[in-house]
PDB file of N, CA and C in Angstrom:
ATOM      1  N   MET A   1       2.498  39.956 -29.598  1.00  0.00           N
ATOM      2  CA  MET A   1       2.098  41.268 -29.182  1.00  0.00           C
ATOM      3  C   MET A   1       2.371  42.300 -30.260  1.00  0.00           C
ATOM      4  N   ARG A   2       3.528  42.204 -30.897  1.00  0.00           N
ATOM      5  CA  ARG A   2       3.864  43.194 -31.921  1.00  0.00           C
ATOM      6  C   ARG A   2       2.893  43.128 -33.104  1.00  0.00           C
ATOM      7  N   SER A   3       2.476  41.940 -33.459  1.00  0.00           N
ATOM      8  CA  SER A   3       1.535  41.824 -34.581  1.00  0.00           C
ATOM      9  C   SER A   3       0.174  42.415 -34.213  1.00  0.00           C
ATOM     10  N   ARG A   4      -0.248  42.280 -32.981  1.00  0.00           N
ATOM     11  CA  ARG A   4      -1.519  42.880 -32.558  1.00  0.00           C
ATOM     12  C   ARG A   4      -1.408  44.407 -32.535  1.00  0.00           C
ATOM     13  N   TYR A   5      -0.275  44.938 -32.096  1.00  0.00           N
ATOM     14  CA  TYR A   5      -0.057  46.382 -32.143  1.00  0.00           C
ATOM     15  C   TYR A   5      -0.163  46.866 -33.596  1.00  0.00           C
ATOM     16  N   SER A   6       0.494  46.153 -34.508  1.00  0.00           N
ATOM     17  CA  SER A   6       0.440  46.532 -35.927  1.00  0.00           C
ATOM     18  C   SER A   6      -0.992  46.512 -36.442  1.00  0.00           C
ATOM     19  N   ALA A   7      -1.774  45.549 -36.004  1.00  0.00           N
ATOM     20  CA  ALA A   7      -3.179  45.476 -36.427  1.00  0.00           C
ATOM     21  C   ALA A   7      -3.966  46.682 -35.906  1.00  0.00           C
ATOM     22  N   TYR A   8      -3.670  47.131 -34.704  1.00  0.00           N
ATOM     23  CA  TYR A   8      -4.318  48.351 -34.195  1.00  0.00           C
ATOM     24  C   TYR A   8      -3.912  49.558 -35.046  1.00  0.00           C
ATOM     25  N   VAL A   9      -2.616  49.662 -35.348  1.00  0.00           N
ATOM     26  CA  VAL A   9      -2.122  50.791 -36.140  1.00  0.00           C
ATOM     27  C   VAL A   9      -2.790  50.815 -37.517  1.00  0.00           C
ATOM     28  N   LEU A  10      -2.913  49.645 -38.142  1.00  0.00           N
ATOM     29  CA  LEU A  10      -3.466  49.548 -39.493  1.00  0.00           C
ATOM     30  C   LEU A  10      -4.983  49.409 -39.525  1.00  0.00           C
ATOM     31  N   GLY A  11      -5.589  49.244 -38.353  1.00  0.00           N
ATOM     32  CA  GLY A  11      -7.045  49.131 -38.283  1.00  0.00           C
ATOM     33  C   GLY A  11      -7.586  47.805 -38.801  1.00  0.00           C
ATOM     34  N   ILE A  12      -6.881  46.706 -38.526  1.00  0.00           N
ATOM     35  CA  ILE A  12      -7.282  45.386 -39.030  1.00  0.00           C
ATOM     36  C   ILE A  12      -8.041  44.635 -37.931  1.00  0.00           C
ATOM     37  N   GLU A  13      -9.326  44.890 -37.854  1.00  0.00           N
ATOM     38  CA  GLU A  13     -10.167  44.299 -36.818  1.00  0.00           C
ATOM     39  C   GLU A  13     -10.196  42.771 -36.908  1.00  0.00           C
ATOM     40  N   ALA A  14     -10.251  42.223 -38.106  1.00  0.00           N
ATOM     41  CA  ALA A  14     -10.333  40.769 -38.276  1.00  0.00           C
ATOM     42  C   ALA A  14      -9.132  40.066 -37.633  1.00  0.00           C
ATOM     43  N   TYR A  15      -7.945  40.640 -37.766  1.00  0.00           N
ATOM     44  CA  TYR A  15      -6.759  40.025 -37.165  1.00  0.00           C
ATOM     45  C   TYR A  15      -6.829  40.098 -35.646  1.00  0.00           C
ATOM     46  N   LEU A  16      -7.255  41.235 -35.119  1.00  0.00           N
ATOM     47  CA  LEU A  16      -7.363  41.373 -33.668  1.00  0.00           C
ATOM     48  C   LEU A  16      -8.330  40.341 -33.097  1.00  0.00           C
ATOM     49  N   LEU A  17      -9.459  40.167 -33.740  1.00  0.00           N
ATOM     50  CA  LEU A  17     -10.439  39.184 -33.271  1.00  0.00           C
ATOM     51  C   LEU A  17      -9.910  37.759 -33.410  1.00  0.00           C
ATOM     52  N   ALA A  18      -9.193  37.489 -34.492  1.00  0.00           N
ATOM     53  CA  ALA A  18      -8.653  36.143 -34.723  1.00  0.00           C
ATOM     54  C   ALA A  18      -7.569  35.769 -33.725  1.00  0.00           C
ATOM     55  N   THR A  19      -6.905  36.770 -33.135  1.00  0.00           N
ATOM     56  CA  THR A  19      -5.829  36.497 -32.174  1.00  0.00           C
ATOM     57  C   THR A  19      -6.274  36.733 -30.733  1.00  0.00           C
ATOM     58  N   TRP A  20      -7.572  36.922 -30.541  1.00  0.00           N
ATOM     59  CA  TRP A  20      -8.149  37.104 -29.209  1.00  0.00           C
ATOM     60  C   TRP A  20      -8.713  35.769 -28.760  1.00  0.00           C
ATOM     61  N   HIS A  21      -8.414  35.354 -27.561  1.00  0.00           N
ATOM     62  CA  HIS A  21      -8.883  34.063 -27.042  1.00  0.00           C
ATOM     63  C   HIS A  21     -10.410  34.015 -27.086  1.00  0.00           C
ATOM     64  N   PRO A  22     -10.987  32.904 -27.568  1.00  0.00           N
ATOM     65  CA  PRO A  22     -12.448  32.805 -27.678  1.00  0.00           C
ATOM     66  C   PRO A  22     -13.200  33.027 -26.369  1.00  0.00           C
ATOM     67  N   ASP A  23     -12.584  32.720 -25.237  1.00  0.00           N
ATOM     68  CA  ASP A  23     -13.259  32.888 -23.943  1.00  0.00           C
ATOM     69  C   ASP A  23     -13.440  34.351 -23.547  1.00  0.00           C
ATOM     70  N   THR A  24     -12.622  35.247 -24.097  1.00  0.00           N
ATOM     71  CA  THR A  24     -12.690  36.654 -23.703  1.00  0.00           C
ATOM     72  C   THR A  24     -12.884  37.598 -24.892  1.00  0.00           C
ATOM     73  N   ARG A  25     -12.980  37.057 -26.086  1.00  0.00           N
ATOM     74  CA  ARG A  25     -13.075  37.876 -27.303  1.00  0.00           C
ATOM     75  C   ARG A  25     -14.396  38.637 -27.373  1.00  0.00           C
ATOM     76  N   PRO A  26     -14.320  39.944 -27.648  1.00  0.00           N
ATOM     77  CA  PRO A  26     -15.554  40.714 -27.843  1.00  0.00           C
ATOM     78  C   PRO A  26     -16.133  40.436 -29.231  1.00  0.00           C
ATOM     79  N   GLU A  27     -17.342  40.853 -29.456  1.00  0.00           N
ATOM     80  CA  GLU A  27     -17.946  40.691 -30.779  1.00  0.00           C
ATOM     81  C   GLU A  27     -17.264  41.582 -31.801  1.00  0.00           C
ATOM     82  N   ARG A  28     -16.772  42.712 -31.324  1.00  0.00           N
ATOM     83  CA  ARG A  28     -16.189  43.687 -32.245  1.00  0.00           C
ATOM     84  C   ARG A  28     -15.147  44.505 -31.504  1.00  0.00           C
ATOM     85  N   VAL A  29     -14.174  45.029 -32.248  1.00  0.00           N
ATOM     86  CA  VAL A  29     -13.160  45.922 -31.696  1.00  0.00           C
ATOM     87  C   VAL A  29     -13.433  47.309 -32.270  1.00  0.00           C
ATOM     88  N   GLU A  30     -13.617  48.281 -31.407  1.00  0.00           N
ATOM     89  CA  GLU A  30     -13.965  49.638 -31.837  1.00  0.00           C
ATOM     90  C   GLU A  30     -12.727  50.368 -32.366  1.00  0.00           C
ATOM     91  N   LEU A  31     -12.465  50.232 -33.650  1.00  0.00           N
ATOM     92  CA  LEU A  31     -11.322  50.899 -34.265  1.00  0.00           C
ATOM     93  C   LEU A  31     -11.726  52.154 -35.028  1.00  0.00           C
ATOM     94  N   ASP A  32     -13.010  52.360 -35.204  1.00  0.00           N
ATOM     95  CA  ASP A  32     -13.478  53.475 -36.020  1.00  0.00           C
ATOM     96  C   ASP A  32     -13.874  54.688 -35.185  1.00  0.00           C
ATOM     97  N   ILE A  33     -13.216  54.856 -34.051  1.00  0.00           N
ATOM     98  CA  ILE A  33     -13.495  56.006 -33.198  1.00  0.00           C
ATOM     99  C   ILE A  33     -12.923  57.273 -33.830  1.00  0.00           C
ATOM    100  N   GLU A  34     -13.536  58.380 -33.527  1.00  0.00           N
ATOM    101  CA  GLU A  34     -13.039  59.679 -33.990  1.00  0.00           C
ATOM    102  C   GLU A  34     -12.844  60.573 -32.783  1.00  0.00           C
ATOM    103  N   PRO A  35     -11.784  61.289 -32.700  1.00  0.00           N
ATOM    104  CA  PRO A  35     -10.665  61.275 -33.628  1.00  0.00           C
ATOM    105  C   PRO A  35      -9.808  60.027 -33.422  1.00  0.00           C
ATOM    106  N   ARG A  36      -9.197  59.571 -34.492  1.00  0.00           N
ATOM    107  CA  ARG A  36      -8.352  58.377 -34.429  1.00  0.00           C
ATOM    108  C   ARG A  36      -6.996  58.712 -33.834  1.00  0.00           C
ATOM    109  N   PRO A  37      -6.487  57.836 -32.997  1.00  0.00           N
ATOM    110  CA  PRO A  37      -5.136  58.072 -32.468  1.00  0.00           C
ATOM    111  C   PRO A  37      -4.092  57.851 -33.561  1.00  0.00           C
ATOM    112  N   SER A  38      -3.013  58.547 -33.441  1.00  0.00           N
ATOM    113  CA  SER A  38      -1.860  58.351 -34.324  1.00  0.00           C
ATOM    114  C   SER A  38      -0.819  57.585 -33.513  1.00  0.00           C
ATOM    115  N   TRP A  39      -0.645  56.306 -33.834  1.00  0.00           N
ATOM    116  CA  TRP A  39       0.248  55.456 -33.050  1.00  0.00           C
ATOM    117  C   TRP A  39       1.693  55.793 -33.368  1.00  0.00           C
ATOM    118  N   LEU A  40       2.532  55.885 -32.327  1.00  0.00           N
ATOM    119  CA  LEU A  40       3.919  56.323 -32.472  1.00  0.00           C
ATOM    120  C   LEU A  40       4.944  55.233 -32.230  1.00  0.00           C
ATOM    121  N   GLY A  41       4.587  54.199 -31.475  1.00  0.00           N
ATOM    122  CA  GLY A  41       5.571  53.158 -31.209  1.00  0.00           C
ATOM    123  C   GLY A  41       5.153  52.224 -30.095  1.00  0.00           C
ATOM    124  N   LEU A  42       5.827  51.093 -30.069  1.00  0.00           N
ATOM    125  CA  LEU A  42       5.573  50.055 -29.072  1.00  0.00           C
ATOM    126  C   LEU A  42       6.888  49.655 -28.437  1.00  0.00           C
ATOM    127  N   LYS A  43       6.874  49.561 -27.109  1.00  0.00           N
ATOM    128  CA  LYS A  43       8.040  49.043 -26.386  1.00  0.00           C
ATOM    129  C   LYS A  43       7.564  47.915 -25.487  1.00  0.00           C
ATOM    130  N   VAL A  44       8.047  46.715 -25.758  1.00  0.00           N
ATOM    131  CA  VAL A  44       7.757  45.574 -24.896  1.00  0.00           C
ATOM    132  C   VAL A  44       8.775  45.621 -23.764  1.00  0.00           C
ATOM    133  N   THR A  45       8.283  45.771 -22.539  1.00  0.00           N
ATOM    134  CA  THR A  45       9.181  45.945 -21.399  1.00  0.00           C
ATOM    135  C   THR A  45       9.470  44.653 -20.653  1.00  0.00           C
ATOM    136  N   GLN A  46       8.584  43.663 -20.806  1.00  0.00           N
ATOM    137  CA  GLN A  46       8.798  42.401 -20.102  1.00  0.00           C
ATOM    138  C   GLN A  46       7.961  41.294 -20.737  1.00  0.00           C
ATOM    139  N   VAL A  47       8.566  40.135 -20.859  1.00  0.00           N
ATOM    140  CA  VAL A  47       7.852  38.930 -21.292  1.00  0.00           C
ATOM    141  C   VAL A  47       8.171  37.853 -20.276  1.00  0.00           C
ATOM    142  N   ARG A  48       7.125  37.283 -19.683  1.00  0.00           N
ATOM    143  CA  ARG A  48       7.319  36.216 -18.701  1.00  0.00           C
ATOM    144  C   ARG A  48       6.565  34.982 -19.159  1.00  0.00           C
ATOM    145  N   LEU A  49       7.289  33.926 -19.417  1.00  0.00           N
ATOM    146  CA  LEU A  49       6.683  32.649 -19.766  1.00  0.00           C
ATOM    147  C   LEU A  49       6.335  31.947 -18.459  1.00  0.00           C
ATOM    148  N   LEU A  50       5.039  31.785 -18.197  1.00  0.00           N
ATOM    149  CA  LEU A  50       4.585  31.155 -16.955  1.00  0.00           C
ATOM    150  C   LEU A  50       4.557  29.642 -17.070  1.00  0.00           C
ATOM    151  N   SER A  51       4.318  29.170 -18.281  1.00  0.00           N
ATOM    152  CA  SER A  51       4.324  27.746 -18.608  1.00  0.00           C
ATOM    153  C   SER A  51       4.510  27.674 -20.119  1.00  0.00           C
ATOM    154  N   PRO A  52       4.625  26.486 -20.688  1.00  0.00           N
ATOM    155  CA  PRO A  52       4.771  26.422 -22.144  1.00  0.00           C
ATOM    156  C   PRO A  52       3.589  27.043 -22.913  1.00  0.00           C
ATOM    157  N   ASP A  53       2.441  27.161 -22.256  1.00  0.00           N
ATOM    158  CA  ASP A  53       1.257  27.664 -22.942  1.00  0.00           C
ATOM    159  C   ASP A  53       0.637  28.893 -22.287  1.00  0.00           C
ATOM    160  N   SER A  54       1.390  29.593 -21.453  1.00  0.00           N
ATOM    161  CA  SER A  54       0.866  30.762 -20.760  1.00  0.00           C
ATOM    162  C   SER A  54       1.985  31.790 -20.587  1.00  0.00           C
ATOM    163  N   ALA A  55       1.673  33.049 -20.909  1.00  0.00           N
ATOM    164  CA  ALA A  55       2.691  34.091 -20.798  1.00  0.00           C
ATOM    165  C   ALA A  55       2.046  35.425 -20.428  1.00  0.00           C
ATOM    166  N   ILE A  56       2.887  36.291 -19.893  1.00  0.00           N
ATOM    167  CA  ILE A  56       2.504  37.662 -19.595  1.00  0.00           C
ATOM    168  C   ILE A  56       3.440  38.576 -20.380  1.00  0.00           C
ATOM    169  N   VAL A  57       2.851  39.572 -21.041  1.00  0.00           N
ATOM    170  CA  VAL A  57       3.634  40.539 -21.803  1.00  0.00           C
ATOM    171  C   VAL A  57       3.278  41.937 -21.289  1.00  0.00           C
ATOM    172  N   GLU A  58       4.293  42.656 -20.842  1.00  0.00           N
ATOM    173  CA  GLU A  58       4.088  44.034 -20.408  1.00  0.00           C
ATOM    174  C   GLU A  58       4.632  44.946 -21.493  1.00  0.00           C
ATOM    175  N   PHE A  59       3.852  45.970 -21.825  1.00  0.00           N
ATOM    176  CA  PHE A  59       4.270  46.857 -22.911  1.00  0.00           C
ATOM    177  C   PHE A  59       3.752  48.269 -22.689  1.00  0.00           C
ATOM    178  N   VAL A  60       4.369  49.182 -23.420  1.00  0.00           N
ATOM    179  CA  VAL A  60       3.925  50.576 -23.462  1.00  0.00           C
ATOM    180  C   VAL A  60       3.778  50.944 -24.933  1.00  0.00           C
ATOM    181  N   ALA A  61       2.575  51.370 -25.304  1.00  0.00           N
ATOM    182  CA  ALA A  61       2.312  51.861 -26.654  1.00  0.00           C
ATOM    183  C   ALA A  61       2.125  53.371 -26.565  1.00  0.00           C
ATOM    184  N   ARG A  62       2.805  54.093 -27.429  1.00  0.00           N
ATOM    185  CA  ARG A  62       2.702  55.548 -27.428  1.00  0.00           C
ATOM    186  C   ARG A  62       1.844  55.997 -28.604  1.00  0.00           C
ATOM    187  N   TYR A  63       1.057  57.046 -28.376  1.00  0.00           N
ATOM    188  CA  TYR A  63       0.221  57.573 -29.454  1.00  0.00           C
ATOM    189  C   TYR A  63      -0.076  59.046 -29.217  1.00  0.00           C
ATOM    190  N   LYS A  64      -0.521  59.702 -30.275  1.00  0.00           N
ATOM    191  CA  LYS A  64      -0.964  61.093 -30.174  1.00  0.00           C
ATOM    192  C   LYS A  64      -2.445  61.142 -30.476  1.00  0.00           C
ATOM    193  N   LEU A  65      -3.128  61.988 -29.735  1.00  0.00           N
ATOM    194  CA  LEU A  65      -4.548  62.195 -29.944  1.00  0.00           C
ATOM    195  C   LEU A  65      -4.804  63.691 -29.848  1.00  0.00           C
ATOM    196  N   GLN A  66      -5.269  64.261 -30.925  1.00  0.00           N
ATOM    197  CA  GLN A  66      -5.523  65.700 -31.000  1.00  0.00           C
ATOM    198  C   GLN A  66      -4.293  66.506 -30.575  1.00  0.00           C
ATOM    199  N   GLY A  67      -3.135  66.080 -31.064  1.00  0.00           N
ATOM    200  CA  GLY A  67      -1.895  66.805 -30.822  1.00  0.00           C
ATOM    201  C   GLY A  67      -1.234  66.565 -29.478  1.00  0.00           C
ATOM    202  N   ARG A  68      -1.854  65.752 -28.612  1.00  0.00           N
ATOM    203  CA  ARG A  68      -1.279  65.474 -27.296  1.00  0.00           C
ATOM    204  C   ARG A  68      -0.739  64.056 -27.242  1.00  0.00           C
ATOM    205  N   ALA A  69       0.420  63.882 -26.633  1.00  0.00           N
ATOM    206  CA  ALA A  69       1.049  62.571 -26.504  1.00  0.00           C
ATOM    207  C   ALA A  69       0.443  61.803 -25.335  1.00  0.00           C
ATOM    208  N   HIS A  70       0.269  60.496 -25.539  1.00  0.00           N
ATOM    209  CA  HIS A  70      -0.276  59.614 -24.504  1.00  0.00           C
ATOM    210  C   HIS A  70       0.508  58.304 -24.500  1.00  0.00           C
ATOM    211  N   ARG A  71       0.365  57.582 -23.392  1.00  0.00           N
ATOM    212  CA  ARG A  71       0.975  56.246 -23.250  1.00  0.00           C
ATOM    213  C   ARG A  71      -0.097  55.266 -22.807  1.00  0.00           C
ATOM    214  N   LEU A  72      -0.061  54.093 -23.384  1.00  0.00           N
ATOM    215  CA  LEU A  72      -0.931  53.000 -22.959  1.00  0.00           C
ATOM    216  C   LEU A  72      -0.016  51.929 -22.369  1.00  0.00           C
ATOM    217  N   HIS A  73      -0.054  51.773 -21.057  1.00  0.00           N
ATOM    218  CA  HIS A  73       0.779  50.789 -20.354  1.00  0.00           C
ATOM    219  C   HIS A  73      -0.126  49.625 -19.971  1.00  0.00           C
ATOM    220  N   GLU A  74       0.198  48.440 -20.465  1.00  0.00           N
ATOM    221  CA  GLU A  74      -0.654  47.278 -20.212  1.00  0.00           C
ATOM    222  C   GLU A  74       0.191  46.065 -19.847  1.00  0.00           C
ATOM    223  N   ILE A  75      -0.367  45.236 -18.994  1.00  0.00           N
ATOM    224  CA  ILE A  75       0.189  43.914 -18.699  1.00  0.00           C
ATOM    225  C   ILE A  75      -0.840  42.921 -19.223  1.00  0.00           C
ATOM    226  N   GLY A  76      -0.493  42.271 -20.326  1.00  0.00           N
ATOM    227  CA  GLY A  76      -1.435  41.381 -20.999  1.00  0.00           C
ATOM    228  C   GLY A  76      -1.124  39.914 -20.753  1.00  0.00           C
ATOM    229  N   ARG A  77      -2.190  39.134 -20.631  1.00  0.00           N
ATOM    230  CA  ARG A  77      -2.041  37.681 -20.480  1.00  0.00           C
ATOM    231  C   ARG A  77      -2.343  37.007 -21.811  1.00  0.00           C
ATOM    232  N   PHE A  78      -1.504  36.038 -22.155  1.00  0.00           N
ATOM    233  CA  PHE A  78      -1.643  35.307 -23.408  1.00  0.00           C
ATOM    234  C   PHE A  78      -1.663  33.806 -23.135  1.00  0.00           C
ATOM    235  N   SER A  79      -2.369  33.088 -23.985  1.00  0.00           N
ATOM    236  CA  SER A  79      -2.478  31.637 -23.859  1.00  0.00           C
ATOM    237  C   SER A  79      -2.221  31.008 -25.229  1.00  0.00           C
ATOM    238  N   ARG A  80      -1.486  29.896 -25.230  1.00  0.00           N
ATOM    239  CA  ARG A  80      -1.212  29.196 -26.493  1.00  0.00           C
ATOM    240  C   ARG A  80      -2.157  28.017 -26.629  1.00  0.00           C
ATOM    241  N   ARG A  81      -2.802  27.946 -27.807  1.00  0.00           N
ATOM    242  CA  ARG A  81      -3.696  26.830 -28.142  1.00  0.00           C
ATOM    243  C   ARG A  81      -3.319  26.327 -29.521  1.00  0.00           C
ATOM    244  N   GLU A  82      -3.058  25.047 -29.598  1.00  0.00           N
ATOM    245  CA  GLU A  82      -2.696  24.412 -30.870  1.00  0.00           C
ATOM    246  C   GLU A  82      -1.559  25.160 -31.570  1.00  0.00           C
ATOM    247  N   GLY A  83      -0.575  25.588 -30.777  1.00  0.00           N
ATOM    248  CA  GLY A  83       0.603  26.226 -31.316  1.00  0.00           C
ATOM    249  C   GLY A  83       0.481  27.717 -31.612  1.00  0.00           C
ATOM    250  N   ARG A  84      -0.682  28.317 -31.387  1.00  0.00           N
ATOM    251  CA  ARG A  84      -0.885  29.747 -31.648  1.00  0.00           C
ATOM    252  C   ARG A  84      -1.153  30.493 -30.354  1.00  0.00           C
ATOM    253  N   TRP A  85      -0.590  31.700 -30.245  1.00  0.00           N
ATOM    254  CA  TRP A  85      -0.797  32.528 -29.068  1.00  0.00           C
ATOM    255  C   TRP A  85      -2.037  33.388 -29.240  1.00  0.00           C
ATOM    256  N   PHE A  86      -2.817  33.502 -28.150  1.00  0.00           N
ATOM    257  CA  PHE A  86      -4.046  34.289 -28.139  1.00  0.00           C
ATOM    258  C   PHE A  86      -4.028  35.239 -26.947  1.00  0.00           C
ATOM    259  N   TYR A  87      -4.494  36.461 -27.185  1.00  0.00           N
ATOM    260  CA  TYR A  87      -4.637  37.452 -26.122  1.00  0.00           C
ATOM    261  C   TYR A  87      -5.830  37.064 -25.260  1.00  0.00           C
ATOM    262  N   LEU A  88      -5.623  37.011 -23.951  1.00  0.00           N
ATOM    263  CA  LEU A  88      -6.709  36.689 -23.003  1.00  0.00           C
ATOM    264  C   LEU A  88      -7.326  37.962 -22.422  1.00  0.00           C
ATOM    265  N   GLU A  89      -6.478  38.736 -21.757  1.00  0.00           N
ATOM    266  CA  GLU A  89      -6.969  39.948 -21.082  1.00  0.00           C
ATOM    267  C   GLU A  89      -5.755  40.772 -20.661  1.00  0.00           C
ATOM    268  N   GLY A  90      -6.046  41.998 -20.259  1.00  0.00           N
ATOM    269  CA  GLY A  90      -4.958  42.864 -19.802  1.00  0.00           C
ATOM    270  C   GLY A  90      -5.385  43.704 -18.619  1.00  0.00           C
ATOM    271  N   GLU A  91      -4.399  44.193 -17.926  1.00  0.00           N
ATOM    272  CA  GLU A  91      -4.659  45.123 -16.834  1.00  0.00           C
ATOM    273  C   GLU A  91      -3.755  46.326 -17.037  1.00  0.00           C
ATOM    274  N   PHE A  92      -4.191  47.447 -16.519  1.00  0.00           N
ATOM    275  CA  PHE A  92      -3.483  48.702 -16.688  1.00  0.00           C
ATOM    276  C   PHE A  92      -2.988  49.137 -15.321  1.00  0.00           C
ATOM    277  N   PRO A  93      -1.653  49.101 -15.103  1.00  0.00           N
ATOM    278  CA  PRO A  93      -1.120  49.466 -13.797  1.00  0.00           C
ATOM    279  C   PRO A  93      -1.555  50.864 -13.376  1.00  0.00           C
ATOM    280  N   ALA A  94      -1.856  51.015 -12.117  1.00  0.00           N
ATOM    281  CA  ALA A  94      -2.275  52.316 -11.573  1.00  0.00           C
ATOM    282  C   ALA A  94      -1.170  53.342 -11.741  1.00  0.00           C
ATOM    283  N   GLY A  95      -1.576  54.554 -12.038  1.00  0.00           N
ATOM    284  CA  GLY A  95      -0.612  55.632 -12.130  1.00  0.00           C
ATOM    285  C   GLY A  95       0.102  55.733 -13.464  1.00  0.00           C
ATOM    286  N   THR A  96      -0.360  54.982 -14.462  1.00  0.00           N
ATOM    287  CA  THR A  96       0.302  55.063 -15.771  1.00  0.00           C
ATOM    288  C   THR A  96      -0.657  55.545 -16.819  1.00  0.00           C
TER     289      THR A  96
END
């Protein structure tokens, strides 16, 4: 999860796509939006290993957009294939 956050901060679309599970991977990640967010930090709040090859990671990423602070709270599902973890999908808890 931390490496994917870093890829968002640095705008490395190729890494994000390479670590996205093929079953749910989009053709492209829209990183060239304007205005660009200024990422401030990542806090992983929970990691749950559901099986040796399945996990849930809950995190909060903080960022500023046009001078206003925001939080992105996500519960992401990850799957391991051939020893590598891949992002499957995420949900955003209500009220966050």
